[in-house]
Amino acid sequence: MAASTSTHLYRMLEFKHVSELLESKQLYFVLPSQWEDPYEKMLVHERSHALFAQCWCTKAASDAMWRIYSADRTAVRIRTTRTKLNRALSECKDSISIDYLVEDVEYFPS
């Protein structure tokens, strides 16, 4: 995907996490080492212990994504844009001293 600012990004979340997101108005990031996907656990960096992330998808509907992120069939798909995501991260950057990067992931065949 080209780094378009208007392309929609999608994320599947358990309903309870969507409720928390809407109430708290806070994004939730985790260590990639805690993700279930073994390929995404391969993300290794000298500061991996301090690297938190979340995944978004450019595909609006994907059976695979529903199966992965909604094992109990209670997930909800949320949508944003790259511009909105960057704006939200930029607004909190100085107040909590974070660096952030919104980038596409390139998957290589095994």
PDB file of N, CA and C in Angstrom:
ATOM      1  N   MET A   1       0.833  -1.170   0.000  1.00  0.00           N
ATOM      2  CA  MET A   1       0.000   0.000   0.000  1.00  0.00           C
ATOM      3  C   MET A   1       0.881   1.237   0.000  1.00  0.00           C
ATOM      4  N   ALA A   2       0.591   2.185  -0.819  1.00  0.00           N
ATOM      5  CA  ALA A   2       1.308   3.455  -0.803  1.00  0.00           C
ATOM      6  C   ALA A   2       0.938   4.201   0.463  1.00  0.00           C
ATOM      7  N   ALA A   3       1.827   5.022   0.937  1.00  0.00           N
ATOM      8  CA  ALA A   3       1.597   5.755   2.178  1.00  0.00           C
ATOM      9  C   ALA A   3       0.597   6.881   1.951  1.00  0.00           C
ATOM     10  N   SER A   4      -0.606   6.532   1.673  1.00  0.00           N
ATOM     11  CA  SER A   4      -1.669   7.497   1.426  1.00  0.00           C
ATOM     12  C   SER A   4      -2.221   8.012   2.741  1.00  0.00           C
ATOM     13  N   THR A   5      -2.572   9.281   2.775  1.00  0.00           N
ATOM     14  CA  THR A   5      -3.098   9.842   4.017  1.00  0.00           C
ATOM     15  C   THR A   5      -4.598   9.649   4.126  1.00  0.00           C
ATOM     16  N   SER A   6      -5.279   9.296   3.038  1.00  0.00           N
ATOM     17  CA  SER A   6      -6.723   9.158   3.102  1.00  0.00           C
ATOM     18  C   SER A   6      -7.199   7.711   3.094  1.00  0.00           C
ATOM     19  N   THR A   7      -6.317   6.765   2.872  1.00  0.00           N
ATOM     20  CA  THR A   7      -6.691   5.361   2.860  1.00  0.00           C
ATOM     21  C   THR A   7      -7.190   4.942   4.235  1.00  0.00           C
ATOM     22  N   HIS A   8      -8.304   4.248   4.253  1.00  0.00           N
ATOM     23  CA  HIS A   8      -8.830   3.782   5.534  1.00  0.00           C
ATOM     24  C   HIS A   8      -7.995   2.641   6.077  1.00  0.00           C
ATOM     25  N   LEU A   9      -7.886   2.608   7.387  1.00  0.00           N
ATOM     26  CA  LEU A   9      -7.223   1.530   8.104  1.00  0.00           C
ATOM     27  C   LEU A   9      -8.279   0.875   8.977  1.00  0.00           C
ATOM     28  N   TYR A  10      -8.183  -0.441   9.114  1.00  0.00           N
ATOM     29  CA  TYR A  10      -9.186  -1.203   9.860  1.00  0.00           C
ATOM     30  C   TYR A  10      -8.497  -2.035  10.924  1.00  0.00           C
ATOM     31  N   ARG A  11      -9.239  -2.264  11.990  1.00  0.00           N
ATOM     32  CA  ARG A  11      -8.725  -3.087  13.070  1.00  0.00           C
ATOM     33  C   ARG A  11      -9.876  -3.851  13.681  1.00  0.00           C
ATOM     34  N   MET A  12      -9.667  -5.119  13.979  1.00  0.00           N
ATOM     35  CA  MET A  12     -10.661  -5.935  14.649  1.00  0.00           C
ATOM     36  C   MET A  12     -10.314  -5.977  16.132  1.00  0.00           C
ATOM     37  N   LEU A  13     -11.311  -5.699  16.953  1.00  0.00           N
ATOM     38  CA  LEU A  13     -11.122  -5.721  18.401  1.00  0.00           C
ATOM     39  C   LEU A  13     -12.279  -6.450  19.050  1.00  0.00           C
ATOM     40  N   GLU A  14     -12.001  -7.074  20.172  1.00  0.00           N
ATOM     41  CA  GLU A  14     -13.088  -7.656  20.949  1.00  0.00           C
ATOM     42  C   GLU A  14     -14.009  -6.521  21.371  1.00  0.00           C
ATOM     43  N   PHE A  15     -15.286  -6.807  21.447  1.00  0.00           N
ATOM     44  CA  PHE A  15     -16.271  -5.780  21.774  1.00  0.00           C
ATOM     45  C   PHE A  15     -15.920  -5.053  23.063  1.00  0.00           C
ATOM     46  N   LYS A  16     -15.468  -5.786  24.078  1.00  0.00           N
ATOM     47  CA  LYS A  16     -15.151  -5.147  25.363  1.00  0.00           C
ATOM     48  C   LYS A  16     -14.021  -4.128  25.209  1.00  0.00           C
ATOM     49  N   HIS A  17     -13.078  -4.390  24.285  1.00  0.00           N
ATOM     50  CA  HIS A  17     -11.985  -3.442  24.061  1.00  0.00           C
ATOM     51  C   HIS A  17     -12.467  -2.205  23.301  1.00  0.00           C
ATOM     52  N   VAL A  18     -13.446  -2.378  22.429  1.00  0.00           N
ATOM     53  CA  VAL A  18     -14.024  -1.232  21.733  1.00  0.00           C
ATOM     54  C   VAL A  18     -14.737  -0.339  22.738  1.00  0.00           C
ATOM     55  N   SER A  19     -15.471  -0.945  23.651  1.00  0.00           N
ATOM     56  CA  SER A  19     -16.151  -0.169  24.693  1.00  0.00           C
ATOM     57  C   SER A  19     -15.144   0.623  25.516  1.00  0.00           C
ATOM     58  N   GLU A  20     -14.045  -0.026  25.893  1.00  0.00           N
ATOM     59  CA  GLU A  20     -13.002   0.643  26.670  1.00  0.00           C
ATOM     60  C   GLU A  20     -12.387   1.792  25.871  1.00  0.00           C
ATOM     61  N   LEU A  21     -12.157   1.566  24.595  1.00  0.00           N
ATOM     62  CA  LEU A  21     -11.580   2.583  23.722  1.00  0.00           C
ATOM     63  C   LEU A  21     -12.490   3.812  23.644  1.00  0.00           C
ATOM     64  N   LEU A  22     -13.780   3.574  23.459  1.00  0.00           N
ATOM     65  CA  LEU A  22     -14.725   4.683  23.345  1.00  0.00           C
ATOM     66  C   LEU A  22     -14.884   5.438  24.660  1.00  0.00           C
ATOM     67  N   GLU A  23     -14.832   4.731  25.777  1.00  0.00           N
ATOM     68  CA  GLU A  23     -14.972   5.385  27.080  1.00  0.00           C
ATOM     69  C   GLU A  23     -13.715   6.149  27.475  1.00  0.00           C
ATOM     70  N   SER A  24     -12.558   5.539  27.288  1.00  0.00           N
ATOM     71  CA  SER A  24     -11.306   6.146  27.739  1.00  0.00           C
ATOM     72  C   SER A  24     -10.692   7.093  26.710  1.00  0.00           C
ATOM     73  N   LYS A  25     -11.063   6.913  25.442  1.00  0.00           N
ATOM     74  CA  LYS A  25     -10.481   7.683  24.339  1.00  0.00           C
ATOM     75  C   LYS A  25      -8.964   7.528  24.311  1.00  0.00           C
ATOM     76  N   GLN A  26      -8.513   6.313  24.609  1.00  0.00           N
ATOM     77  CA  GLN A  26      -7.086   6.005  24.619  1.00  0.00           C
ATOM     78  C   GLN A  26      -6.829   4.775  23.766  1.00  0.00           C
ATOM     79  N   LEU A  27      -5.748   4.833  22.997  1.00  0.00           N
ATOM     80  CA  LEU A  27      -5.323   3.675  22.211  1.00  0.00           C
ATOM     81  C   LEU A  27      -4.532   2.741  23.116  1.00  0.00           C
ATOM     82  N   TYR A  28      -4.597   1.465  22.828  1.00  0.00           N
ATOM     83  CA  TYR A  28      -3.937   0.444  23.639  1.00  0.00           C
ATOM     84  C   TYR A  28      -2.855  -0.221  22.805  1.00  0.00           C
ATOM     85  N   PHE A  29      -1.623  -0.205  23.303  1.00  0.00           N
ATOM     86  CA  PHE A  29      -0.502  -0.810  22.608  1.00  0.00           C
ATOM     87  C   PHE A  29       0.083  -1.919  23.478  1.00  0.00           C
ATOM     88  N   VAL A  30       0.611  -2.957  22.843  1.00  0.00           N
ATOM     89  CA  VAL A  30       1.226  -4.066  23.574  1.00  0.00           C
ATOM     90  C   VAL A  30       2.594  -4.394  22.982  1.00  0.00           C
ATOM     91  N   LEU A  31       3.353  -5.140  23.743  1.00  0.00           N
ATOM     92  CA  LEU A  31       4.635  -5.633  23.237  1.00  0.00           C
ATOM     93  C   LEU A  31       4.363  -6.657  22.131  1.00  0.00           C
ATOM     94  N   PRO A  32       5.009  -6.537  20.976  1.00  0.00           N
ATOM     95  CA  PRO A  32       4.796  -7.535  19.915  1.00  0.00           C
ATOM     96  C   PRO A  32       5.102  -8.962  20.357  1.00  0.00           C
ATOM     97  N   SER A  33       5.965  -9.129  21.333  1.00  0.00           N
ATOM     98  CA  SER A  33       6.277 -10.474  21.823  1.00  0.00           C
ATOM     99  C   SER A  33       5.061 -11.139  22.462  1.00  0.00           C
ATOM    100  N   GLN A  34       4.030 -10.364  22.796  1.00  0.00           N
ATOM    101  CA  GLN A  34       2.816 -10.914  23.393  1.00  0.00           C
ATOM    102  C   GLN A  34       1.760 -11.258  22.345  1.00  0.00           C
ATOM    103  N   TRP A  35       2.024 -10.943  21.090  1.00  0.00           N
ATOM    104  CA  TRP A  35       1.062 -11.248  20.030  1.00  0.00           C
ATOM    105  C   TRP A  35       1.019 -12.748  19.780  1.00  0.00           C
ATOM    106  N   GLU A  36      -0.102 -13.236  19.298  1.00  0.00           N
ATOM    107  CA  GLU A  36      -0.265 -14.663  19.042  1.00  0.00           C
ATOM    108  C   GLU A  36       0.416 -15.121  17.763  1.00  0.00           C
ATOM    109  N   ASP A  37       0.513 -14.253  16.763  1.00  0.00           N
ATOM    110  CA  ASP A  37       1.093 -14.625  15.469  1.00  0.00           C
ATOM    111  C   ASP A  37       2.597 -14.846  15.618  1.00  0.00           C
ATOM    112  N   PRO A  38       3.083 -16.074  15.373  1.00  0.00           N
ATOM    113  CA  PRO A  38       4.508 -16.361  15.558  1.00  0.00           C
ATOM    114  C   PRO A  38       5.403 -15.553  14.622  1.00  0.00           C
ATOM    115  N   TYR A  39       4.902 -15.173  13.461  1.00  0.00           N
ATOM    116  CA  TYR A  39       5.709 -14.394  12.530  1.00  0.00           C
ATOM    117  C   TYR A  39       5.868 -12.957  13.005  1.00  0.00           C
ATOM    118  N   GLU A  40       4.855 -12.431  13.649  1.00  0.00           N
ATOM    119  CA  GLU A  40       4.958 -11.071  14.161  1.00  0.00           C
ATOM    120  C   GLU A  40       5.818 -11.017  15.416  1.00  0.00           C
ATOM    121  N   LYS A  41       5.991 -12.137  16.082  1.00  0.00           N
ATOM    122  CA  LYS A  41       6.875 -12.188  17.247  1.00  0.00           C
ATOM    123  C   LYS A  41       8.335 -12.092  16.838  1.00  0.00           C
ATOM    124  N   MET A  42       8.605 -12.228  15.544  1.00  0.00           N
ATOM    125  CA  MET A  42       9.980 -12.171  15.057  1.00  0.00           C
ATOM    126  C   MET A  42      10.537 -10.755  15.049  1.00  0.00           C
ATOM    127  N   LEU A  43       9.720  -9.778  15.344  1.00  0.00           N
ATOM    128  CA  LEU A  43      10.160  -8.403  15.372  1.00  0.00           C
ATOM    129  C   LEU A  43      11.184  -8.245  16.491  1.00  0.00           C
ATOM    130  N   VAL A  44      12.425  -8.042  16.102  1.00  0.00           N
ATOM    131  CA  VAL A  44      13.506  -7.936  17.080  1.00  0.00           C
ATOM    132  C   VAL A  44      14.219  -6.609  16.864  1.00  0.00           C
ATOM    133  N   HIS A  45      14.439  -5.924  17.943  1.00  0.00           N
ATOM    134  CA  HIS A  45      15.040  -4.603  17.910  1.00  0.00           C
ATOM    135  C   HIS A  45      15.860  -4.457  19.184  1.00  0.00           C
ATOM    136  N   GLU A  46      16.883  -3.632  19.157  1.00  0.00           N
ATOM    137  CA  GLU A  46      17.718  -3.473  20.352  1.00  0.00           C
ATOM    138  C   GLU A  46      16.934  -2.941  21.554  1.00  0.00           C
ATOM    139  N   ARG A  47      15.805  -2.317  21.272  1.00  0.00           N
ATOM    140  CA  ARG A  47      14.955  -1.819  22.359  1.00  0.00           C
ATOM    141  C   ARG A  47      13.591  -2.499  22.333  1.00  0.00           C
ATOM    142  N   SER A  48      13.577  -3.783  21.968  1.00  0.00           N
ATOM    143  CA  SER A  48      12.316  -4.528  21.884  1.00  0.00           C
ATOM    144  C   SER A  48      11.533  -4.488  23.189  1.00  0.00           C
ATOM    145  N   HIS A  49      12.230  -4.422  24.307  1.00  0.00           N
ATOM    146  CA  HIS A  49      11.563  -4.370  25.610  1.00  0.00           C
ATOM    147  C   HIS A  49      10.755  -3.080  25.796  1.00  0.00           C
ATOM    148  N   ALA A  50      11.045  -2.059  24.991  1.00  0.00           N
ATOM    149  CA  ALA A  50      10.357  -0.768  25.114  1.00  0.00           C
ATOM    150  C   ALA A  50       9.571  -0.422  23.849  1.00  0.00           C
ATOM    151  N   LEU A  51       9.340  -1.415  23.017  1.00  0.00           N
ATOM    152  CA  LEU A  51       8.631  -1.207  21.755  1.00  0.00           C
ATOM    153  C   LEU A  51       7.216  -1.756  21.873  1.00  0.00           C
ATOM    154  N   PHE A  52       6.234  -0.894  21.735  1.00  0.00           N
ATOM    155  CA  PHE A  52       4.829  -1.277  21.828  1.00  0.00           C
ATOM    156  C   PHE A  52       4.171  -0.970  20.490  1.00  0.00           C
ATOM    157  N   ALA A  53       3.198  -1.785  20.109  1.00  0.00           N
ATOM    158  CA  ALA A  53       2.615  -1.624  18.779  1.00  0.00           C
ATOM    159  C   ALA A  53       1.164  -2.080  18.746  1.00  0.00           C
ATOM    160  N   GLN A  54       0.531  -1.806  17.621  1.00  0.00           N
ATOM    161  CA  GLN A  54      -0.779  -2.350  17.309  1.00  0.00           C
ATOM    162  C   GLN A  54      -0.856  -2.479  15.800  1.00  0.00           C
ATOM    163  N   CYS A  55      -1.709  -3.378  15.347  1.00  0.00           N
ATOM    164  CA  CYS A  55      -1.811  -3.668  13.918  1.00  0.00           C
ATOM    165  C   CYS A  55      -3.119  -3.158  13.344  1.00  0.00           C
ATOM    166  N   TRP A  56      -3.013  -2.588  12.168  1.00  0.00           N
ATOM    167  CA  TRP A  56      -4.166  -2.131  11.399  1.00  0.00           C
ATOM    168  C   TRP A  56      -4.047  -2.773  10.031  1.00  0.00           C
ATOM    169  N   CYS A  57      -5.138  -2.888   9.341  1.00  0.00           N
ATOM    170  CA  CYS A  57      -5.179  -3.553   8.040  1.00  0.00           C
ATOM    171  C   CYS A  57      -5.805  -2.603   7.023  1.00  0.00           C
ATOM    172  N   THR A  58      -5.405  -2.712   5.778  1.00  0.00           N
ATOM    173  CA  THR A  58      -6.006  -1.879   4.735  1.00  0.00           C
ATOM    174  C   THR A  58      -7.193  -2.558   4.080  1.00  0.00           C
ATOM    175  N   LYS A  59      -7.413  -3.836   4.378  1.00  0.00           N
ATOM    176  CA  LYS A  59      -8.565  -4.564   3.829  1.00  0.00           C
ATOM    177  C   LYS A  59      -9.764  -4.394   4.742  1.00  0.00           C
ATOM    178  N   ALA A  60     -10.853  -3.907   4.159  1.00  0.00           N
ATOM    179  CA  ALA A  60     -12.052  -3.662   4.962  1.00  0.00           C
ATOM    180  C   ALA A  60     -12.669  -4.953   5.482  1.00  0.00           C
ATOM    181  N   ALA A  61     -12.641  -5.985   4.688  1.00  0.00           N
ATOM    182  CA  ALA A  61     -13.250  -7.261   5.092  1.00  0.00           C
ATOM    183  C   ALA A  61     -12.334  -8.398   4.690  1.00  0.00           C
ATOM    184  N   SER A  62     -12.059  -9.245   5.645  1.00  0.00           N
ATOM    185  CA  SER A  62     -11.199 -10.394   5.401  1.00  0.00           C
ATOM    186  C   SER A  62     -11.634 -11.517   6.329  1.00  0.00           C
ATOM    187  N   ASP A  63     -11.997 -12.626   5.757  1.00  0.00           N
ATOM    188  CA  ASP A  63     -12.406 -13.769   6.568  1.00  0.00           C
ATOM    189  C   ASP A  63     -11.286 -14.189   7.510  1.00  0.00           C
ATOM    190  N   ALA A  64     -10.063 -14.140   7.016  1.00  0.00           N
ATOM    191  CA  ALA A  64      -8.925 -14.523   7.851  1.00  0.00           C
ATOM    192  C   ALA A  64      -8.803 -13.606   9.066  1.00  0.00           C
ATOM    193  N   MET A  65      -8.982 -12.309   8.865  1.00  0.00           N
ATOM    194  CA  MET A  65      -8.878 -11.368   9.980  1.00  0.00           C
ATOM    195  C   MET A  65      -9.985 -11.611  11.005  1.00  0.00           C
ATOM    196  N   TRP A  66     -11.201 -11.880  10.532  1.00  0.00           N
ATOM    197  CA  TRP A  66     -12.291 -12.164  11.458  1.00  0.00           C
ATOM    198  C   TRP A  66     -11.985 -13.420  12.266  1.00  0.00           C
ATOM    199  N   ARG A  67     -11.455 -14.439  11.617  1.00  0.00           N
ATOM    200  CA  ARG A  67     -11.161 -15.696  12.327  1.00  0.00           C
ATOM    201  C   ARG A  67     -10.028 -15.523  13.337  1.00  0.00           C
ATOM    202  N   ILE A  68      -9.007 -14.753  12.957  1.00  0.00           N
ATOM    203  CA  ILE A  68      -7.857 -14.553  13.840  1.00  0.00           C
ATOM    204  C   ILE A  68      -8.239 -13.723  15.064  1.00  0.00           C
ATOM    205  N   TYR A  69      -8.939 -12.627  14.824  1.00  0.00           N
ATOM    206  CA  TYR A  69      -9.200 -11.669  15.900  1.00  0.00           C
ATOM    207  C   TYR A  69     -10.574 -11.788  16.538  1.00  0.00           C
ATOM    208  N   SER A  70     -11.357 -12.765  16.097  1.00  0.00           N
ATOM    209  CA  SER A  70     -12.679 -12.933  16.682  1.00  0.00           C
ATOM    210  C   SER A  70     -12.997 -14.408  16.878  1.00  0.00           C
ATOM    211  N   ALA A  71     -12.174 -15.062  17.644  1.00  0.00           N
ATOM    212  CA  ALA A  71     -12.371 -16.489  17.881  1.00  0.00           C
ATOM    213  C   ALA A  71     -13.742 -16.780  18.475  1.00  0.00           C
ATOM    214  N   ASP A  72     -14.234 -15.875  19.312  1.00  0.00           N
ATOM    215  CA  ASP A  72     -15.547 -16.079  19.938  1.00  0.00           C
ATOM    216  C   ASP A  72     -16.667 -15.337  19.196  1.00  0.00           C
ATOM    217  N   ARG A  73     -16.340 -14.793  18.034  1.00  0.00           N
ATOM    218  CA  ARG A  73     -17.303 -14.104  17.159  1.00  0.00           C
ATOM    219  C   ARG A  73     -17.915 -12.843  17.785  1.00  0.00           C
ATOM    220  N   THR A  74     -17.158 -12.179  18.663  1.00  0.00           N
ATOM    221  CA  THR A  74     -17.660 -10.951  19.271  1.00  0.00           C
ATOM    222  C   THR A  74     -16.836  -9.728  18.873  1.00  0.00           C
ATOM    223  N   ALA A  75     -15.960  -9.869  17.903  1.00  0.00           N
ATOM    224  CA  ALA A  75     -15.116  -8.741  17.503  1.00  0.00           C
ATOM    225  C   ALA A  75     -15.916  -7.705  16.730  1.00  0.00           C
ATOM    226  N   VAL A  76     -15.416  -6.498  16.787  1.00  0.00           N
ATOM    227  CA  VAL A  76     -15.998  -5.379  16.076  1.00  0.00           C
ATOM    228  C   VAL A  76     -14.884  -4.767  15.229  1.00  0.00           C
ATOM    229  N   ARG A  77     -15.231  -4.386  14.007  1.00  0.00           N
ATOM    230  CA  ARG A  77     -14.236  -3.741  13.154  1.00  0.00           C
ATOM    231  C   ARG A  77     -14.348  -2.236  13.350  1.00  0.00           C
ATOM    232  N   ILE A  78     -13.210  -1.603  13.611  1.00  0.00           N
ATOM    233  CA  ILE A  78     -13.190  -0.147  13.696  1.00  0.00           C
ATOM    234  C   ILE A  78     -12.405   0.385  12.509  1.00  0.00           C
ATOM    235  N   ARG A  79     -12.609   1.661  12.215  1.00  0.00           N
ATOM    236  CA  ARG A  79     -11.968   2.239  11.045  1.00  0.00           C
ATOM    237  C   ARG A  79     -11.435   3.628  11.382  1.00  0.00           C
ATOM    238  N   THR A  80     -10.300   3.955  10.793  1.00  0.00           N
ATOM    239  CA  THR A  80      -9.734   5.296  10.895  1.00  0.00           C
ATOM    240  C   THR A  80      -8.985   5.576   9.603  1.00  0.00           C
ATOM    241  N   THR A  81      -8.254   6.663   9.583  1.00  0.00           N
ATOM    242  CA  THR A  81      -7.372   6.955   8.453  1.00  0.00           C
ATOM    243  C   THR A  81      -5.965   7.129   9.001  1.00  0.00           C
ATOM    244  N   ARG A  82      -5.014   7.039   8.128  1.00  0.00           N
ATOM    245  CA  ARG A  82      -3.619   7.252   8.517  1.00  0.00           C
ATOM    246  C   ARG A  82      -3.461   8.669   9.099  1.00  0.00           C
ATOM    247  N   THR A  83      -4.145   9.632   8.506  1.00  0.00           N
ATOM    248  CA  THR A  83      -4.066  11.015   8.982  1.00  0.00           C
ATOM    249  C   THR A  83      -4.577  11.127  10.417  1.00  0.00           C
ATOM    250  N   LYS A  84      -5.733  10.537  10.704  1.00  0.00           N
ATOM    251  CA  LYS A  84      -6.299  10.599  12.057  1.00  0.00           C
ATOM    252  C   LYS A  84      -5.415   9.879  13.063  1.00  0.00           C
ATOM    253  N   LEU A  85      -4.869   8.743  12.674  1.00  0.00           N
ATOM    254  CA  LEU A  85      -3.995   7.986  13.572  1.00  0.00           C
ATOM    255  C   LEU A  85      -2.734   8.793  13.879  1.00  0.00           C
ATOM    256  N   ASN A  86      -2.129   9.366  12.844  1.00  0.00           N
ATOM    257  CA  ASN A  86      -0.944  10.203  13.059  1.00  0.00           C
ATOM    258  C   ASN A  86      -1.258  11.405  13.934  1.00  0.00           C
ATOM    259  N   ARG A  87      -2.420  12.016  13.721  1.00  0.00           N
ATOM    260  CA  ARG A  87      -2.807  13.186  14.514  1.00  0.00           C
ATOM    261  C   ARG A  87      -2.956  12.801  15.992  1.00  0.00           C
ATOM    262  N   ALA A  88      -3.619  11.697  16.260  1.00  0.00           N
ATOM    263  CA  ALA A  88      -3.816  11.256  17.644  1.00  0.00           C
ATOM    264  C   ALA A  88      -2.481  10.972  18.323  1.00  0.00           C
ATOM    265  N   LEU A  89      -1.584  10.329  17.612  1.00  0.00           N
ATOM    266  CA  LEU A  89      -0.274  10.031  18.198  1.00  0.00           C
ATOM    267  C   LEU A  89       0.545  11.300  18.393  1.00  0.00           C
ATOM    268  N   SER A  90       0.467  12.204  17.436  1.00  0.00           N
ATOM    269  CA  SER A  90       1.200  13.461  17.526  1.00  0.00           C
ATOM    270  C   SER A  90       0.726  14.298  18.705  1.00  0.00           C
ATOM    271  N   GLU A  91      -0.579  14.303  18.955  1.00  0.00           N
ATOM    272  CA  GLU A  91      -1.138  15.107  20.052  1.00  0.00           C
ATOM    273  C   GLU A  91      -0.650  14.645  21.421  1.00  0.00           C
ATOM    274  N   CYS A  92      -0.363  13.366  21.567  1.00  0.00           N
ATOM    275  CA  CYS A  92       0.084  12.888  22.877  1.00  0.00           C
ATOM    276  C   CYS A  92       1.601  12.723  22.958  1.00  0.00           C
ATOM    277  N   LYS A  93       2.292  12.902  21.857  1.00  0.00           N
ATOM    278  CA  LYS A  93       3.742  12.678  21.797  1.00  0.00           C
ATOM    279  C   LYS A  93       4.502  13.431  22.886  1.00  0.00           C
ATOM    280  N   ASP A  94       4.268  14.717  23.010  1.00  0.00           N
ATOM    281  CA  ASP A  94       5.022  15.513  23.971  1.00  0.00           C
ATOM    282  C   ASP A  94       4.589  15.283  25.406  1.00  0.00           C
ATOM    283  N   SER A  95       3.293  15.051  25.622  1.00  0.00           N
ATOM    284  CA  SER A  95       2.818  14.911  26.993  1.00  0.00           C
ATOM    285  C   SER A  95       3.280  13.620  27.656  1.00  0.00           C
ATOM    286  N   ILE A  96       3.542  12.584  26.883  1.00  0.00           N
ATOM    287  CA  ILE A  96       4.003  11.330  27.500  1.00  0.00           C
ATOM    288  C   ILE A  96       5.361  10.878  26.964  1.00  0.00           C
ATOM    289  N   SER A  97       6.056  11.756  26.292  1.00  0.00           N
ATOM    290  CA  SER A  97       7.420  11.494  25.799  1.00  0.00           C
ATOM    291  C   SER A  97       7.531  10.172  25.038  1.00  0.00           C
ATOM    292  N   ILE A  98       6.859  10.092  23.920  1.00  0.00           N
ATOM    293  CA  ILE A  98       6.947   8.912  23.086  1.00  0.00           C
ATOM    294  C   ILE A  98       7.466   9.284  21.710  1.00  0.00           C
ATOM    295  N   ASP A  99       8.015   8.320  21.049  1.00  0.00           N
ATOM    296  CA  ASP A  99       8.302   8.415  19.625  1.00  0.00           C
ATOM    297  C   ASP A  99       7.375   7.421  18.977  1.00  0.00           C
ATOM    298  N   TYR A 100       6.954   7.692  17.774  1.00  0.00           N
ATOM    299  CA  TYR A 100       6.055   6.767  17.108  1.00  0.00           C
ATOM    300  C   TYR A 100       6.363   6.725  15.625  1.00  0.00           C
ATOM    301  N   LEU A 101       5.898   5.665  15.011  1.00  0.00           N
ATOM    302  CA  LEU A 101       6.098   5.440  13.587  1.00  0.00           C
ATOM    303  C   LEU A 101       4.872   4.719  13.064  1.00  0.00           C
ATOM    304  N   VAL A 102       4.263   5.233  12.008  1.00  0.00           N
ATOM    305  CA  VAL A 102       3.149   4.575  11.352  1.00  0.00           C
ATOM    306  C   VAL A 102       3.671   4.156   9.991  1.00  0.00           C
ATOM    307  N   GLU A 103       3.883   2.883   9.827  1.00  0.00           N
ATOM    308  CA  GLU A 103       4.512   2.374   8.608  1.00  0.00           C
ATOM    309  C   GLU A 103       3.781   1.139   8.099  1.00  0.00           C
ATOM    310  N   ASP A 104       3.924   0.892   6.827  1.00  0.00           N
ATOM    311  CA  ASP A 104       3.408  -0.345   6.229  1.00  0.00           C
ATOM    312  C   ASP A 104       4.384  -1.472   6.544  1.00  0.00           C
ATOM    313  N   VAL A 105       3.841  -2.665   6.662  1.00  0.00           N
ATOM    314  CA  VAL A 105       4.651  -3.859   6.887  1.00  0.00           C
ATOM    315  C   VAL A 105       4.709  -4.623   5.575  1.00  0.00           C
ATOM    316  N   GLU A 106       5.898  -5.045   5.260  1.00  0.00           N
ATOM    317  CA  GLU A 106       6.063  -5.856   4.044  1.00  0.00           C
ATOM    318  C   GLU A 106       6.296  -7.307   4.462  1.00  0.00           C
ATOM    319  N   TYR A 107       5.438  -8.183   3.986  1.00  0.00           N
ATOM    320  CA  TYR A 107       5.563  -9.608   4.307  1.00  0.00           C
ATOM    321  C   TYR A 107       6.310 -10.305   3.184  1.00  0.00           C
ATOM    322  N   PHE A 108       7.309 -11.077   3.534  1.00  0.00           N
ATOM    323  CA  PHE A 108       8.080 -11.823   2.564  1.00  0.00           C
ATOM    324  C   PHE A 108       7.648 -13.286   2.567  1.00  0.00           C
ATOM    325  N   PRO A 109       7.644 -13.923   1.414  1.00  0.00           N
ATOM    326  CA  PRO A 109       7.281 -15.350   1.392  1.00  0.00           C
ATOM    327  C   PRO A 109       8.312 -16.168   2.160  1.00  0.00           C
ATOM    328  N   SER A 110       7.843 -17.215   2.810  1.00  0.00           N
ATOM    329  CA  SER A 110       8.769 -18.036   3.606  1.00  0.00           C
ATOM    330  C   SER A 110       9.481 -19.045   2.737  1.00  0.00           C
TER     331      SER A 110
END
